[in-house]
């Protein structure tokens, strides 16, 4: 029996993964990844890099992707709370330009499994958040791409917060979906 619940979302390939949480007065234990359990759920990834970031409330990171080295990502929150989003950029996909978003927090222990072919970003909802993710390809800074977080055609419903959003300079200059001269081709996604 698996220590994970794998919940399909409205976009094929994206899953909300909830690990079983075992706790008592001493604290808790949970598996955050198990190769066999993920493969049995049809999520066959070989992760090669783990990343971690910290951000304060209002930070909006994204929407990011790598063009010729696309990454599948398993993302989670260690401290705090974020609203995490993935936007479908796969050529020929029935859900191209659509998004999935969910709250990830240290309390709910949920993770988002994002396959290759998506732009990814998140908004920090708590005063502070630590965000961790596994990737199935290495980071290539020269290969970065981005999609504007507030594109009206994508229409992400970001949660309202009681402060201004904080962006990097780069994240304020990404193109909209209409301006984006890029779609993930199947041969790149299949590696």
Protein backbone atom coordinates (compact mmCIF):
# COMPACT_ATOMS: atom_id res chain seq x y z
CA UNK A 1 0.00 0.00 0.00
CA UNK A 2 1.35 3.39 -1.02
CA UNK A 3 2.17 6.18 1.41
CA UNK A 4 0.83 8.67 -1.16
CA UNK A 5 -2.49 9.80 -2.59
CA UNK A 6 -2.16 10.79 -6.26
CA UNK A 7 -4.97 13.14 -7.32
CA UNK A 8 -5.42 13.91 -11.01
CA UNK A 9 -6.12 17.51 -11.97
CA UNK A 10 -8.03 18.99 -14.89
CA UNK A 11 -4.82 18.94 -16.98
CA UNK A 12 -3.41 15.58 -18.01
CA UNK A 13 -0.10 14.79 -16.35
CA UNK A 14 -0.37 17.18 -13.43
CA UNK A 15 -1.03 15.54 -10.07
CA UNK A 16 -1.54 16.78 -6.54
CA UNK A 17 0.44 14.35 -4.41
CA UNK A 18 -0.42 14.06 -0.73
CA UNK A 19 1.97 11.98 1.39
CA UNK A 20 0.66 10.06 4.37
CA UNK A 21 1.64 11.85 7.54
CA UNK A 22 2.50 9.88 10.68
CA UNK A 23 2.62 11.98 13.83
CA UNK A 24 2.49 11.84 17.59
CA UNK A 25 3.52 14.01 20.53
CA UNK A 26 7.18 13.81 19.38
CA UNK A 27 6.55 15.22 15.92
CA UNK A 28 5.90 13.57 12.57
CA UNK A 29 7.37 11.47 9.76
CA UNK A 30 6.44 11.25 6.09
CA UNK A 31 7.94 10.09 2.84
CA UNK A 32 8.06 12.94 0.35
CA UNK A 33 9.14 10.78 -2.58
CA UNK A 34 9.33 7.07 -3.30
CA UNK A 35 10.40 6.01 -6.80
CA UNK A 36 8.42 2.76 -6.74
CA UNK A 37 5.19 4.38 -5.53
CA UNK A 38 5.46 7.12 -8.15
CA UNK A 39 6.14 4.61 -10.94
CA UNK A 40 3.13 2.54 -9.87
CA UNK A 41 1.04 5.72 -10.19
CA UNK A 42 2.37 6.20 -13.74
CA UNK A 43 4.81 8.97 -12.78
CA UNK A 44 8.10 7.60 -14.04
CA UNK A 45 10.72 10.31 -13.47
CA UNK A 46 14.42 10.24 -12.73
CA UNK A 47 15.18 13.30 -10.65
CA UNK A 48 18.69 14.72 -11.00
CA UNK A 49 18.58 18.02 -9.11
CA UNK A 50 16.96 19.32 -5.91
CA UNK A 51 16.42 23.07 -5.41
CA UNK A 52 15.26 25.15 -2.47
CA UNK A 53 14.34 28.82 -2.17
CA UNK A 54 13.04 31.14 0.50
CA UNK A 55 10.79 34.13 -0.07
CA UNK A 56 8.81 36.65 1.91
CA UNK A 57 5.10 37.37 1.62
CA UNK A 58 4.01 38.77 -1.72
CA UNK A 59 6.91 37.38 -3.74
CA UNK A 60 5.66 36.05 -7.06
CA UNK A 61 8.19 33.91 -8.89
CA UNK A 62 7.51 32.91 -12.48
CA UNK A 63 6.17 31.83 -14.71
CA UNK A 64 9.37 29.98 -15.72
CA UNK A 65 10.40 27.13 -18.02
CA UNK A 66 13.44 25.88 -19.92
CA UNK A 67 13.06 25.75 -23.70
CA UNK A 68 15.31 22.92 -24.93
CA UNK A 69 15.95 21.28 -21.55
CA UNK A 70 12.40 21.09 -20.14
CA UNK A 71 12.09 19.98 -16.54
CA UNK A 72 9.48 17.89 -14.80
CA UNK A 73 9.19 19.15 -11.23
CA UNK A 74 7.89 17.77 -7.95
CA UNK A 75 7.32 20.87 -5.81
CA UNK A 76 6.49 21.31 -2.12
CA UNK A 77 6.60 23.80 0.73
CA UNK A 78 8.74 23.19 3.81
CA UNK A 79 7.70 26.32 5.73
CA UNK A 80 4.79 28.67 5.15
CA UNK A 81 2.26 28.67 2.33
CA UNK A 82 2.27 29.37 -1.41
CA UNK A 83 -0.17 29.30 -4.29
CA UNK A 84 1.58 27.17 -6.92
CA UNK A 85 0.69 27.31 -10.63
CA UNK A 86 1.52 25.40 -13.82
CA UNK A 87 0.48 26.54 -17.32
CA UNK A 88 0.31 24.09 -20.23
CA UNK A 89 2.64 25.06 -23.13
CA UNK A 90 2.64 21.70 -24.94
CA UNK A 91 2.15 21.90 -28.70
CA UNK A 92 -1.08 20.17 -29.73
CA UNK A 93 -2.36 19.82 -26.18
CA UNK A 94 -6.13 20.12 -25.71
CA UNK A 95 -5.40 22.24 -22.62
CA UNK A 96 -2.75 24.52 -24.17
CA UNK A 97 -2.73 27.86 -22.30
CA UNK A 98 -4.78 26.51 -19.39
CA UNK A 99 -3.53 26.45 -15.82
CA UNK A 100 -3.73 24.43 -12.62
CA UNK A 101 -3.15 26.03 -9.24
CA UNK A 102 -3.19 24.78 -5.68
CA UNK A 103 -2.14 25.86 -2.22
CA UNK A 104 0.94 24.07 -0.93
CA UNK A 105 1.81 24.49 2.72
CA UNK A 106 3.75 23.03 5.60
CA UNK A 107 0.37 22.12 7.13
CA UNK A 108 -1.24 20.30 4.20
CA UNK A 109 2.03 18.63 3.03
CA UNK A 110 0.70 18.57 -0.54
CA UNK A 111 3.04 18.49 -3.52
CA UNK A 112 2.44 19.32 -7.16
CA UNK A 113 3.86 16.98 -9.81
CA UNK A 114 4.38 19.00 -12.98
CA UNK A 115 5.48 17.15 -16.13
CA UNK A 116 7.71 18.62 -18.82
CA UNK A 117 6.02 21.19 -21.04
CA UNK A 118 4.69 23.65 -18.47
CA UNK A 119 5.50 27.15 -17.25
CA UNK A 120 5.67 27.21 -13.45
CA UNK A 121 5.39 29.88 -10.77
CA UNK A 122 4.18 30.60 -7.27
CA UNK A 123 2.96 33.38 -4.99
CA UNK A 124 3.96 33.44 -1.32
CA UNK A 125 0.87 33.79 0.90
CA UNK A 126 2.50 33.50 4.34
CA UNK A 127 4.96 35.93 5.97
CA UNK A 128 7.79 33.60 4.90
CA UNK A 129 8.02 30.43 2.83
CA UNK A 130 10.62 27.82 2.03
CA UNK A 131 9.97 26.07 -1.27
CA UNK A 132 11.67 22.86 -2.46
CA UNK A 133 11.53 21.00 -5.73
CA UNK A 134 13.01 18.03 -7.50
CA UNK A 135 13.81 18.34 -11.23
CA UNK A 136 14.38 15.67 -13.86
CA UNK A 137 16.90 17.80 -15.79
CA UNK A 138 19.63 20.18 -14.72
CA UNK A 139 19.18 23.95 -14.67
CA UNK A 140 20.53 25.68 -17.79
CA UNK A 141 20.47 29.49 -17.29
CA UNK A 142 20.95 30.19 -21.01
CA UNK A 143 17.80 28.16 -21.78
CA UNK A 144 15.32 30.12 -19.66
CA UNK A 145 11.93 31.13 -20.91
CA UNK A 146 9.00 32.82 -19.24
CA UNK A 147 5.33 33.68 -19.47
CA UNK A 148 3.75 36.81 -17.99
CA UNK A 149 2.08 36.01 -14.66
CA UNK A 150 -0.96 38.22 -15.32
CA UNK A 151 -1.69 37.32 -18.94
CA UNK A 152 -5.40 37.99 -19.49
CA UNK A 153 -5.73 35.06 -21.90
CA UNK A 154 -4.38 32.59 -19.35
CA UNK A 155 -6.35 34.33 -16.55
CA UNK A 156 -4.70 32.80 -13.49
CA UNK A 157 -6.82 33.49 -10.42
CA UNK A 158 -4.06 34.51 -8.01
CA UNK A 159 -5.29 34.73 -4.40
CA UNK A 160 -5.69 38.20 -2.96
CA UNK A 161 -3.16 39.12 -0.29
CA UNK A 162 -2.79 42.17 1.95
CA UNK A 163 0.43 43.46 0.36
CA UNK A 164 1.89 44.34 -3.03
CA UNK A 165 3.37 41.61 -5.21
CA UNK A 166 7.16 41.54 -5.33
CA UNK A 167 8.85 40.51 -8.60
CA UNK A 168 12.30 40.15 -10.04
CA UNK A 169 13.00 42.54 -12.89
CA UNK A 170 13.08 39.56 -15.28
CA UNK A 171 9.64 38.32 -14.21
CA UNK A 172 8.03 41.67 -15.06
CA UNK A 173 9.19 41.42 -18.70
CA UNK A 174 7.98 37.99 -19.81
CA UNK A 175 5.74 37.83 -22.91
CA UNK A 176 2.06 37.01 -22.89
CA UNK A 177 0.82 33.75 -24.39
CA UNK A 178 -0.03 35.57 -27.66
CA UNK A 179 3.44 37.15 -27.75
CA UNK A 180 5.22 33.92 -26.81
CA UNK A 181 6.87 32.48 -29.89
CA UNK A 182 7.28 29.08 -28.30
CA UNK A 183 5.51 25.77 -27.69
CA UNK A 184 7.03 22.57 -26.34
CA UNK A 185 7.34 20.07 -29.18
CA UNK A 186 6.64 16.39 -28.40
CA UNK A 187 10.15 15.27 -29.37
CA UNK A 188 11.70 17.67 -26.81
CA UNK A 189 9.28 16.56 -24.10
CA UNK A 190 10.01 12.89 -24.66
CA UNK A 191 13.69 13.62 -24.24
